[in-house]
PDB file of N, CA and C in Angstrom:
ATOM      1  N   UNK A   1       2.176  59.533  58.516  1.00  0.00           N
ATOM      2  CA  UNK A   1       3.673  59.074  58.047  1.00  0.00           C
ATOM      3  C   UNK A   1       3.307  57.931  56.824  1.00  0.00           C
ATOM      4  N   UNK A   2       4.400  57.875  55.847  1.00  0.00           N
ATOM      5  CA  UNK A   2       4.517  56.916  55.214  1.00  0.00           C
ATOM      6  C   UNK A   2       4.565  55.477  55.537  1.00  0.00           C
ATOM      7  N   UNK A   3       4.206  54.535  54.795  1.00  0.00           N
ATOM      8  CA  UNK A   3       4.199  53.257  55.152  1.00  0.00           C
ATOM      9  C   UNK A   3       5.461  52.688  54.745  1.00  0.00           C
ATOM     10  N   UNK A   4       6.409  51.750  55.580  1.00  0.00           N
ATOM     11  CA  UNK A   4       7.571  51.254  55.140  1.00  0.00           C
ATOM     12  C   UNK A   4       7.603  49.926  55.935  1.00  0.00           C
ATOM     13  N   UNK A   5       8.500  49.156  55.484  1.00  0.00           N
ATOM     14  CA  UNK A   5       8.465  47.746  56.078  1.00  0.00           C
ATOM     15  C   UNK A   5       9.631  48.020  57.166  1.00  0.00           C
ATOM     16  N   UNK A   6       9.580  47.152  58.222  1.00  0.00           N
ATOM     17  CA  UNK A   6      10.492  47.044  59.259  1.00  0.00           C
ATOM     18  C   UNK A   6      11.009  45.386  59.127  1.00  0.00           C
ATOM     19  N   UNK A   7      12.083  45.326  59.822  1.00  0.00           N
ATOM     20  CA  UNK A   7      12.902  43.954  59.797  1.00  0.00           C
ATOM     21  C   UNK A   7      13.430  43.977  61.202  1.00  0.00           C
ATOM     22  N   UNK A   8      13.337  42.474  61.785  1.00  0.00           N
ATOM     23  CA  UNK A   8      13.680  42.036  63.199  1.00  0.00           C
ATOM     24  C   UNK A   8      15.439  42.162  62.753  1.00  0.00           C
ATOM     25  N   UNK A   9      16.143  42.643  63.756  1.00  0.00           N
ATOM     26  CA  UNK A   9      17.602  42.453  63.886  1.00  0.00           C
ATOM     27  C   UNK A   9      18.341  41.302  63.706  1.00  0.00           C
ATOM     28  N   UNK A  10      17.978  40.265  64.169  1.00  0.00           N
ATOM     29  CA  UNK A  10      18.376  39.166  64.077  1.00  0.00           C
ATOM     30  C   UNK A  10      17.909  38.380  62.598  1.00  0.00           C
ATOM     31  N   UNK A  11      16.846  38.896  62.226  1.00  0.00           N
ATOM     32  CA  UNK A  11      16.497  38.472  60.624  1.00  0.00           C
ATOM     33  C   UNK A  11      17.349  39.031  59.521  1.00  0.00           C
ATOM     34  N   UNK A  12      17.534  40.320  59.970  1.00  0.00           N
ATOM     35  CA  UNK A  12      18.376  41.065  59.101  1.00  0.00           C
ATOM     36  C   UNK A  12      20.237  40.521  59.444  1.00  0.00           C
ATOM     37  N   UNK A  13      20.246  40.315  60.378  1.00  0.00           N
ATOM     38  CA  UNK A  13      21.799  39.692  60.469  1.00  0.00           C
ATOM     39  C   UNK A  13      21.788  38.144  59.930  1.00  0.00           C
ATOM     40  N   UNK A  14      20.838  37.565  59.866  1.00  0.00           N
ATOM     41  CA  UNK A  14      20.496  36.300  59.158  1.00  0.00           C
ATOM     42  C   UNK A  14      20.688  36.388  57.634  1.00  0.00           C
ATOM     43  N   UNK A  15      19.959  37.393  57.025  1.00  0.00           N
ATOM     44  CA  UNK A  15      20.063  37.900  55.789  1.00  0.00           C
ATOM     45  C   UNK A  15      21.255  38.080  55.301  1.00  0.00           C
ATOM     46  N   UNK A  16      22.017  38.881  55.870  1.00  0.00           N
ATOM     47  CA  UNK A  16      23.323  39.351  55.919  1.00  0.00           C
ATOM     48  C   UNK A  16      24.358  38.288  55.777  1.00  0.00           C
ATOM     49  N   UNK A  17      24.189  37.500  56.340  1.00  0.00           N
ATOM     50  CA  UNK A  17      25.122  36.326  56.333  1.00  0.00           C
ATOM     51  C   UNK A  17      24.929  35.147  55.371  1.00  0.00           C
ATOM     52  N   UNK A  18      23.690  35.021  54.982  1.00  0.00           N
ATOM     53  CA  UNK A  18      23.329  34.088  53.813  1.00  0.00           C
ATOM     54  C   UNK A  18      23.284  34.681  52.766  1.00  0.00           C
ATOM     55  N   UNK A  19      23.792  35.879  52.354  1.00  0.00           N
ATOM     56  CA  UNK A  19      23.870  36.632  51.123  1.00  0.00           C
ATOM     57  C   UNK A  19      22.601  37.182  50.658  1.00  0.00           C
ATOM     58  N   UNK A  20      21.699  37.238  51.373  1.00  0.00           N
ATOM     59  CA  UNK A  20      20.658  37.643  50.555  1.00  0.00           C
ATOM     60  C   UNK A  20      20.168  39.229  50.487  1.00  0.00           C
ATOM     61  N   UNK A  21      21.162  39.715  51.183  1.00  0.00           N
ATOM     62  CA  UNK A  21      21.353  41.158  51.378  1.00  0.00           C
ATOM     63  C   UNK A  21      22.081  41.798  50.028  1.00  0.00           C
ATOM     64  N   UNK A  22      22.606  40.880  49.263  1.00  0.00           N
ATOM     65  CA  UNK A  22      23.934  41.087  48.207  1.00  0.00           C
ATOM     66  C   UNK A  22      23.351  42.363  47.427  1.00  0.00           C
ATOM     67  N   UNK A  23      21.885  42.430  46.790  1.00  0.00           N
ATOM     68  CA  UNK A  23      21.597  43.329  45.849  1.00  0.00           C
ATOM     69  C   UNK A  23      21.007  44.392  46.478  1.00  0.00           C
ATOM     70  N   UNK A  24      20.827  44.425  47.790  1.00  0.00           N
ATOM     71  CA  UNK A  24      20.331  45.612  48.232  1.00  0.00           C
ATOM     72  C   UNK A  24      21.326  46.596  48.713  1.00  0.00           C
ATOM     73  N   UNK A  25      20.871  47.956  48.996  1.00  0.00           N
ATOM     74  CA  UNK A  25      21.553  49.157  49.354  1.00  0.00           C
ATOM     75  C   UNK A  25      21.600  49.184  50.914  1.00  0.00           C
ATOM     76  N   UNK A  26      22.508  48.878  51.809  1.00  0.00           N
ATOM     77  CA  UNK A  26      22.285  48.989  53.253  1.00  0.00           C
ATOM     78  C   UNK A  26      23.159  49.889  53.837  1.00  0.00           C
ATOM     79  N   UNK A  27      22.295  51.075  54.441  1.00  0.00           N
ATOM     80  CA  UNK A  27      22.966  52.311  55.153  1.00  0.00           C
ATOM     81  C   UNK A  27      22.628  52.419  56.349  1.00  0.00           C
ATOM     82  N   UNK A  28      23.917  53.234  56.977  1.00  0.00           N
ATOM     83  CA  UNK A  28      23.899  53.570  58.467  1.00  0.00           C
ATOM     84  C   UNK A  28      23.660  55.001  58.488  1.00  0.00           C
ATOM     85  N   UNK A  29      22.479  55.451  58.864  1.00  0.00           N
ATOM     86  CA  UNK A  29      22.586  56.936  59.013  1.00  0.00           C
ATOM     87  C   UNK A  29      22.942  57.607  60.437  1.00  0.00           C
ATOM     88  N   UNK A  30      23.638  56.965  60.956  1.00  0.00           N
ATOM     89  CA  UNK A  30      24.373  57.835  62.217  1.00  0.00           C
ATOM     90  C   UNK A  30      25.053  58.640  61.780  1.00  0.00           C
ATOM     91  N   UNK A  31      26.169  59.480  62.766  1.00  0.00           N
ATOM     92  CA  UNK A  31      27.133  60.263  62.575  1.00  0.00           C
ATOM     93  C   UNK A  31      28.333  59.541  62.785  1.00  0.00           C
ATOM     94  N   UNK A  32      29.309  60.166  62.093  1.00  0.00           N
ATOM     95  CA  UNK A  32      30.833  59.729  61.748  1.00  0.00           C
ATOM     96  C   UNK A  32      31.143  59.190  63.296  1.00  0.00           C
ATOM     97  N   UNK A  33      31.011  59.664  64.080  1.00  0.00           N
ATOM     98  CA  UNK A  33      31.644  59.597  65.586  1.00  0.00           C
ATOM     99  C   UNK A  33      30.977  58.418  66.049  1.00  0.00           C
ATOM    100  N   UNK A  34      29.561  58.015  65.714  1.00  0.00           N
ATOM    101  CA  UNK A  34      29.021  56.852  66.334  1.00  0.00           C
ATOM    102  C   UNK A  34      29.446  55.582  65.310  1.00  0.00           C
ATOM    103  N   UNK A  35      29.583  55.791  64.061  1.00  0.00           N
ATOM    104  CA  UNK A  35      30.195  54.718  63.161  1.00  0.00           C
ATOM    105  C   UNK A  35      31.430  54.283  63.753  1.00  0.00           C
ATOM    106  N   UNK A  36      32.608  55.593  63.871  1.00  0.00           N
ATOM    107  CA  UNK A  36      33.709  55.089  64.612  1.00  0.00           C
ATOM    108  C   UNK A  36      33.743  54.015  65.829  1.00  0.00           C
ATOM    109  N   UNK A  37      32.765  54.319  66.597  1.00  0.00           N
ATOM    110  CA  UNK A  37      32.582  53.328  67.518  1.00  0.00           C
ATOM    111  C   UNK A  37      32.205  52.045  67.477  1.00  0.00           C
ATOM    112  N   UNK A  38      31.483  51.767  66.443  1.00  0.00           N
ATOM    113  CA  UNK A  38      30.815  50.303  66.279  1.00  0.00           C
ATOM    114  C   UNK A  38      30.276  50.496  64.731  1.00  0.00           C
ATOM    115  N   UNK A  39      30.345  49.462  63.966  1.00  0.00           N
ATOM    116  CA  UNK A  39      29.572  49.595  62.634  1.00  0.00           C
ATOM    117  C   UNK A  39      29.646  48.006  61.953  1.00  0.00           C
ATOM    118  N   UNK A  40      29.066  47.722  61.053  1.00  0.00           N
ATOM    119  CA  UNK A  40      29.024  46.879  60.300  1.00  0.00           C
ATOM    120  C   UNK A  40      29.836  47.341  58.872  1.00  0.00           C
ATOM    121  N   UNK A  41      30.699  46.414  58.482  1.00  0.00           N
ATOM    122  CA  UNK A  41      31.375  46.673  57.216  1.00  0.00           C
ATOM    123  C   UNK A  41      30.500  46.707  56.094  1.00  0.00           C
ATOM    124  N   UNK A  42      29.528  45.901  56.097  1.00  0.00           N
ATOM    125  CA  UNK A  42      28.515  45.783  54.725  1.00  0.00           C
ATOM    126  C   UNK A  42      27.722  47.107  54.641  1.00  0.00           C
ATOM    127  N   UNK A  43      27.801  47.806  55.719  1.00  0.00           N
ATOM    128  CA  UNK A  43      27.002  49.154  55.558  1.00  0.00           C
ATOM    129  C   UNK A  43      27.655  50.221  55.134  1.00  0.00           C
ATOM    130  N   UNK A  44      27.148  51.359  54.171  1.00  0.00           N
ATOM    131  CA  UNK A  44      27.656  52.795  53.935  1.00  0.00           C
ATOM    132  C   UNK A  44      27.224  53.746  54.647  1.00  0.00           C
ATOM    133  N   UNK A  45      27.985  54.498  55.349  1.00  0.00           N
ATOM    134  CA  UNK A  45      27.648  55.629  56.102  1.00  0.00           C
ATOM    135  C   UNK A  45      27.234  56.646  55.544  1.00  0.00           C
ATOM    136  N   UNK A  46      26.006  57.250  55.711  1.00  0.00           N
ATOM    137  CA  UNK A  46      25.297  58.200  54.846  1.00  0.00           C
ATOM    138  C   UNK A  46      24.438  58.937  56.173  1.00  0.00           C
ATOM    139  N   UNK A  47      25.028  59.892  56.904  1.00  0.00           N
ATOM    140  CA  UNK A  47      24.238  60.517  58.020  1.00  0.00           C
ATOM    141  C   UNK A  47      22.851  61.293  57.628  1.00  0.00           C
ATOM    142  N   UNK A  48      22.184  61.072  58.358  1.00  0.00           N
ATOM    143  CA  UNK A  48      20.714  61.411  58.327  1.00  0.00           C
ATOM    144  C   UNK A  48      20.555  62.689  57.591  1.00  0.00           C
ATOM    145  N   UNK A  49      21.642  63.623  57.902  1.00  0.00           N
ATOM    146  CA  UNK A  49      21.443  65.041  57.519  1.00  0.00           C
ATOM    147  C   UNK A  49      21.933  65.319  56.172  1.00  0.00           C
ATOM    148  N   UNK A  50      22.844  64.157  55.634  1.00  0.00           N
ATOM    149  CA  UNK A  50      23.234  64.172  54.444  1.00  0.00           C
ATOM    150  C   UNK A  50      22.242  63.663  53.294  1.00  0.00           C
ATOM    151  N   UNK A  51      21.176  62.857  53.508  1.00  0.00           N
ATOM    152  CA  UNK A  51      20.093  62.292  52.861  1.00  0.00           C
ATOM    153  C   UNK A  51      19.503  62.986  51.860  1.00  0.00           C
ATOM    154  N   UNK A  52      19.019  64.259  52.280  1.00  0.00           N
ATOM    155  CA  UNK A  52      18.349  65.008  51.053  1.00  0.00           C
ATOM    156  C   UNK A  52      19.188  65.369  49.932  1.00  0.00           C
ATOM    157  N   UNK A  53      20.661  65.853  50.270  1.00  0.00           N
ATOM    158  CA  UNK A  53      21.369  66.144  49.055  1.00  0.00           C
ATOM    159  C   UNK A  53      22.071  64.844  48.245  1.00  0.00           C
ATOM    160  N   UNK A  54      21.822  63.969  48.720  1.00  0.00           N
ATOM    161  CA  UNK A  54      22.216  62.403  48.387  1.00  0.00           C
ATOM    162  C   UNK A  54      21.358  61.582  47.575  1.00  0.00           C
ATOM    163  N   UNK A  55      19.958  62.122  47.718  1.00  0.00           N
ATOM    164  CA  UNK A  55      18.932  60.929  46.869  1.00  0.00           C
ATOM    165  C   UNK A  55      19.323  60.430  45.855  1.00  0.00           C
ATOM    166  N   UNK A  56      19.831  61.323  44.942  1.00  0.00           N
ATOM    167  CA  UNK A  56      20.253  60.613  43.595  1.00  0.00           C
ATOM    168  C   UNK A  56      21.509  59.567  43.839  1.00  0.00           C
ATOM    169  N   UNK A  57      21.893  59.328  44.840  1.00  0.00           N
ATOM    170  CA  UNK A  57      23.007  58.163  44.915  1.00  0.00           C
ATOM    171  C   UNK A  57      22.472  57.075  45.566  1.00  0.00           C
ATOM    172  N   UNK A  58      21.206  56.967  45.667  1.00  0.00           N
ATOM    173  CA  UNK A  58      20.394  55.878  46.281  1.00  0.00           C
ATOM    174  C   UNK A  58      19.600  55.139  45.240  1.00  0.00           C
ATOM    175  N   UNK A  59      19.545  53.711  45.204  1.00  0.00           N
ATOM    176  CA  UNK A  59      19.140  53.099  44.163  1.00  0.00           C
ATOM    177  C   UNK A  59      17.188  53.047  44.354  1.00  0.00           C
ATOM    178  N   UNK A  60      16.881  53.725  43.194  1.00  0.00           N
ATOM    179  CA  UNK A  60      15.357  53.141  43.438  1.00  0.00           C
ATOM    180  C   UNK A  60      14.669  51.913  43.148  1.00  0.00           C
ATOM    181  N   UNK A  61      15.360  51.152  42.319  1.00  0.00           N
ATOM    182  CA  UNK A  61      14.995  49.819  41.916  1.00  0.00           C
ATOM    183  C   UNK A  61      15.438  48.719  42.745  1.00  0.00           C
ATOM    184  N   UNK A  62      15.994  49.081  43.878  1.00  0.00           N
ATOM    185  CA  UNK A  62      16.442  47.917  44.597  1.00  0.00           C
ATOM    186  C   UNK A  62      16.503  48.075  46.148  1.00  0.00           C
ATOM    187  N   UNK A  63      16.034  47.303  47.186  1.00  0.00           N
ATOM    188  CA  UNK A  63      15.679  47.438  48.403  1.00  0.00           C
ATOM    189  C   UNK A  63      16.627  48.282  48.910  1.00  0.00           C
ATOM    190  N   UNK A  64      16.360  49.268  49.937  1.00  0.00           N
ATOM    191  CA  UNK A  64      17.134  49.903  50.833  1.00  0.00           C
ATOM    192  C   UNK A  64      16.903  49.917  52.302  1.00  0.00           C
ATOM    193  N   UNK A  65      17.923  48.978  52.968  1.00  0.00           N
ATOM    194  CA  UNK A  65      17.900  48.729  54.371  1.00  0.00           C
ATOM    195  C   UNK A  65      18.341  50.007  55.095  1.00  0.00           C
ATOM    196  N   UNK A  66      17.930  50.397  56.376  1.00  0.00           N
ATOM    197  CA  UNK A  66      18.318  51.794  56.867  1.00  0.00           C
ATOM    198  C   UNK A  66      18.467  51.421  58.193  1.00  0.00           C
ATOM    199  N   UNK A  67      19.624  51.801  59.083  1.00  0.00           N
ATOM    200  CA  UNK A  67      20.209  51.348  60.169  1.00  0.00           C
ATOM    201  C   UNK A  67      20.427  52.571  60.880  1.00  0.00           C
ATOM    202  N   UNK A  68      20.294  53.090  62.307  1.00  0.00           N
ATOM    203  CA  UNK A  68      20.932  53.999  63.254  1.00  0.00           C
ATOM    204  C   UNK A  68      21.066  53.463  64.422  1.00  0.00           C
ATOM    205  N   UNK A  69      21.099  54.278  65.090  1.00  0.00           N
ATOM    206  CA  UNK A  69      21.675  53.606  66.480  1.00  0.00           C
ATOM    207  C   UNK A  69      20.708  52.753  67.267  1.00  0.00           C
ATOM    208  N   UNK A  70      19.292  53.108  67.297  1.00  0.00           N
ATOM    209  CA  UNK A  70      18.220  52.731  68.097  1.00  0.00           C
ATOM    210  C   UNK A  70      17.028  52.428  67.410  1.00  0.00           C
ATOM    211  N   UNK A  71      16.740  52.514  66.152  1.00  0.00           N
ATOM    212  CA  UNK A  71      15.763  52.528  65.155  1.00  0.00           C
ATOM    213  C   UNK A  71      15.000  53.972  64.812  1.00  0.00           C
ATOM    214  N   UNK A  72      15.201  54.806  65.640  1.00  0.00           N
ATOM    215  CA  UNK A  72      14.328  56.440  65.252  1.00  0.00           C
ATOM    216  C   UNK A  72      14.631  56.999  64.260  1.00  0.00           C
ATOM    217  N   UNK A  73      15.828  57.265  63.916  1.00  0.00           N
ATOM    218  CA  UNK A  73      16.364  58.284  62.878  1.00  0.00           C
ATOM    219  C   UNK A  73      16.073  57.373  61.744  1.00  0.00           C
ATOM    220  N   UNK A  74      16.506  55.778  61.575  1.00  0.00           N
ATOM    221  CA  UNK A  74      16.255  55.093  60.512  1.00  0.00           C
ATOM    222  C   UNK A  74      14.738  55.309  60.236  1.00  0.00           C
ATOM    223  N   UNK A  75      14.009  55.308  61.002  1.00  0.00           N
ATOM    224  CA  UNK A  75      12.456  55.177  60.457  1.00  0.00           C
ATOM    225  C   UNK A  75      12.035  56.493  60.132  1.00  0.00           C
ATOM    226  N   UNK A  76      12.628  57.541  60.328  1.00  0.00           N
ATOM    227  CA  UNK A  76      12.382  58.862  59.687  1.00  0.00           C
ATOM    228  C   UNK A  76      13.061  58.629  58.762  1.00  0.00           C
ATOM    229  N   UNK A  77      14.171  58.432  58.220  1.00  0.00           N
ATOM    230  CA  UNK A  77      14.636  58.369  56.874  1.00  0.00           C
ATOM    231  C   UNK A  77      13.909  57.562  56.058  1.00  0.00           C
ATOM    232  N   UNK A  78      13.593  56.115  56.751  1.00  0.00           N
ATOM    233  CA  UNK A  78      12.579  55.283  55.706  1.00  0.00           C
ATOM    234  C   UNK A  78      11.557  56.183  55.192  1.00  0.00           C
ATOM    235  N   UNK A  79      10.635  57.030  56.327  1.00  0.00           N
ATOM    236  CA  UNK A  79       9.636  57.675  55.775  1.00  0.00           C
ATOM    237  C   UNK A  79       9.868  58.931  54.812  1.00  0.00           C
ATOM    238  N   UNK A  80      10.957  59.455  55.007  1.00  0.00           N
ATOM    239  CA  UNK A  80      11.171  60.350  54.136  1.00  0.00           C
ATOM    240  C   UNK A  80      11.593  59.949  52.630  1.00  0.00           C
ATOM    241  N   UNK A  81      12.346  58.600  52.636  1.00  0.00           N
ATOM    242  CA  UNK A  81      12.763  57.948  51.244  1.00  0.00           C
ATOM    243  C   UNK A  81      11.421  57.758  50.802  1.00  0.00           C
ATOM    244  N   UNK A  82      10.251  57.059  51.361  1.00  0.00           N
ATOM    245  CA  UNK A  82       9.169  56.546  51.002  1.00  0.00           C
ATOM    246  C   UNK A  82       8.465  58.028  50.074  1.00  0.00           C
ATOM    247  N   UNK A  83       8.473  59.038  50.917  1.00  0.00           N
ATOM    248  CA  UNK A  83       7.861  60.520  50.587  1.00  0.00           C
ATOM    249  C   UNK A  83       8.539  60.652  49.264  1.00  0.00           C
ATOM    250  N   UNK A  84       9.795  60.469  49.222  1.00  0.00           N
ATOM    251  CA  UNK A  84      10.535  60.819  47.754  1.00  0.00           C
ATOM    252  C   UNK A  84      10.417  59.748  46.816  1.00  0.00           C
ATOM    253  N   UNK A  85       9.700  58.600  46.859  1.00  0.00           N
ATOM    254  CA  UNK A  85       9.417  57.797  45.727  1.00  0.00           C
ATOM    255  C   UNK A  85       9.846  56.644  45.510  1.00  0.00           C
ATOM    256  N   UNK A  86      10.691  56.372  46.782  1.00  0.00           N
ATOM    257  CA  UNK A  86      11.708  55.305  46.582  1.00  0.00           C
ATOM    258  C   UNK A  86      10.410  54.018  47.401  1.00  0.00           C
ATOM    259  N   UNK A  87      10.197  53.063  46.643  1.00  0.00           N
ATOM    260  CA  UNK A  87       9.122  52.111  46.669  1.00  0.00           C
ATOM    261  C   UNK A  87       9.789  51.054  47.989  1.00  0.00           C
ATOM    262  N   UNK A  88      11.146  50.248  48.139  1.00  0.00           N
ATOM    263  CA  UNK A  88      11.601  49.402  48.875  1.00  0.00           C
ATOM    264  C   UNK A  88      12.380  49.952  49.886  1.00  0.00           C
ATOM    265  N   UNK A  89      11.619  50.303  51.089  1.00  0.00           N
ATOM    266  CA  UNK A  89      12.962  51.030  52.078  1.00  0.00           C
ATOM    267  C   UNK A  89      12.293  50.166  53.295  1.00  0.00           C
ATOM    268  N   UNK A  90      13.540  49.742  54.262  1.00  0.00           N
ATOM    269  CA  UNK A  90      13.078  48.797  55.206  1.00  0.00           C
ATOM    270  C   UNK A  90      14.109  49.383  56.488  1.00  0.00           C
ATOM    271  N   UNK A  91      13.393  49.512  57.509  1.00  0.00           N
ATOM    272  CA  UNK A  91      13.647  50.088  58.847  1.00  0.00           C
ATOM    273  C   UNK A  91      14.516  48.736  59.665  1.00  0.00           C
ATOM    274  N   UNK A  92      15.629  48.698  60.129  1.00  0.00           N
ATOM    275  CA  UNK A  92      16.063  47.781  60.871  1.00  0.00           C
ATOM    276  C   UNK A  92      15.766  48.058  62.648  1.00  0.00           C
ATOM    277  N   UNK A  93      14.610  47.487  62.918  1.00  0.00           N
ATOM    278  CA  UNK A  93      14.156  47.890  64.149  1.00  0.00           C
ATOM    279  C   UNK A  93      15.217  47.643  65.369  1.00  0.00           C
ATOM    280  N   UNK A  94      15.462  48.623  66.101  1.00  0.00           N
ATOM    281  CA  UNK A  94      16.255  48.563  67.526  1.00  0.00           C
ATOM    282  C   UNK A  94      17.661  49.078  67.063  1.00  0.00           C
ATOM    283  N   UNK A  95      18.094  49.276  65.812  1.00  0.00           N
ATOM    284  CA  UNK A  95      19.132  49.615  65.244  1.00  0.00           C
ATOM    285  C   UNK A  95      20.510  49.051  65.440  1.00  0.00           C
ATOM    286  N   UNK A  96      21.451  49.748  65.457  1.00  0.00           N
ATOM    287  CA  UNK A  96      22.893  49.295  65.712  1.00  0.00           C
ATOM    288  C   UNK A  96      23.014  48.593  67.204  1.00  0.00           C
ATOM    289  N   UNK A  97      22.259  49.202  68.131  1.00  0.00           N
ATOM    290  CA  UNK A  97      22.130  48.548  69.529  1.00  0.00           C
ATOM    291  C   UNK A  97      21.753  47.368  69.679  1.00  0.00           C
ATOM    292  N   UNK A  98      20.796  47.033  68.536  1.00  0.00           N
ATOM    293  CA  UNK A  98      20.174  45.648  68.591  1.00  0.00           C
ATOM    294  C   UNK A  98      21.061  44.590  67.937  1.00  0.00           C
ATOM    295  N   UNK A  99      21.427  45.076  66.898  1.00  0.00           N
ATOM    296  CA  UNK A  99      22.390  44.362  66.227  1.00  0.00           C
ATOM    297  C   UNK A  99      23.654  43.915  66.555  1.00  0.00           C
ATOM    298  N   UNK A 100      24.319  45.025  67.440  1.00  0.00           N
ATOM    299  CA  UNK A 100      25.473  44.699  68.537  1.00  0.00           C
ATOM    300  C   UNK A 100      25.092  43.760  69.496  1.00  0.00           C
ATOM    301  N   UNK A 101      23.930  43.697  69.748  1.00  0.00           N
ATOM    302  CA  UNK A 101      23.671  42.791  70.963  1.00  0.00           C
ATOM    303  C   UNK A 101      23.744  41.236  70.555  1.00  0.00           C
ATOM    304  N   UNK A 102      23.178  41.091  69.258  1.00  0.00           N
ATOM    305  CA  UNK A 102      22.996  39.859  68.791  1.00  0.00           C
ATOM    306  C   UNK A 102      24.603  39.426  68.363  1.00  0.00           C
ATOM    307  N   UNK A 103      25.468  40.536  68.482  1.00  0.00           N
ATOM    308  CA  UNK A 103      26.821  39.986  67.734  1.00  0.00           C
ATOM    309  C   UNK A 103      27.942  39.954  68.870  1.00  0.00           C
ATOM    310  N   UNK A 104      27.079  40.185  70.046  1.00  0.00           N
ATOM    311  CA  UNK A 104      28.043  40.099  71.472  1.00  0.00           C
ATOM    312  C   UNK A 104      28.823  41.185  71.719  1.00  0.00           C
ATOM    313  N   UNK A 105      28.664  42.359  71.070  1.00  0.00           N
ATOM    314  CA  UNK A 105      28.992  43.687  71.407  1.00  0.00           C
ATOM    315  C   UNK A 105      27.950  44.475  72.221  1.00  0.00           C
ATOM    316  N   UNK A 106      28.581  45.125  73.335  1.00  0.00           N
ATOM    317  CA  UNK A 106      27.830  46.174  74.432  1.00  0.00           C
ATOM    318  C   UNK A 106      27.826  47.452  73.682  1.00  0.00           C
ATOM    319  N   UNK A 107      26.648  47.717  73.065  1.00  0.00           N
ATOM    320  CA  UNK A 107      26.681  49.363  72.352  1.00  0.00           C
ATOM    321  C   UNK A 107      25.656  50.290  73.436  1.00  0.00           C
ATOM    322  N   UNK A 108      26.336  51.112  73.889  1.00  0.00           N
ATOM    323  CA  UNK A 108      25.806  52.058  74.661  1.00  0.00           C
ATOM    324  C   UNK A 108      25.047  53.365  73.918  1.00  0.00           C
TER     325      UNK A 108
END
């Protein structure tokens, strides 16, 4: 498996709030139904299965933070992106469930 970085959900939210992620690409790789249930406006929905056909839409010169429901799909997407030459990909550990928890929303 390719090496990629990970970030704790609290640290990700702090960076989001303080503007540190302004230049980064923030993607949510869940499905539209999951997105409709709960999402963060700052993230762009790019379902996991769409990633192979949309690599040319992703920046290679900026960090890419990847979120899913619990951190498994996003880890797979991070590994896939690293394999395809993206240097700075970061998995948000615990995914949307962890992010929602820190924002006071019960995500099942």
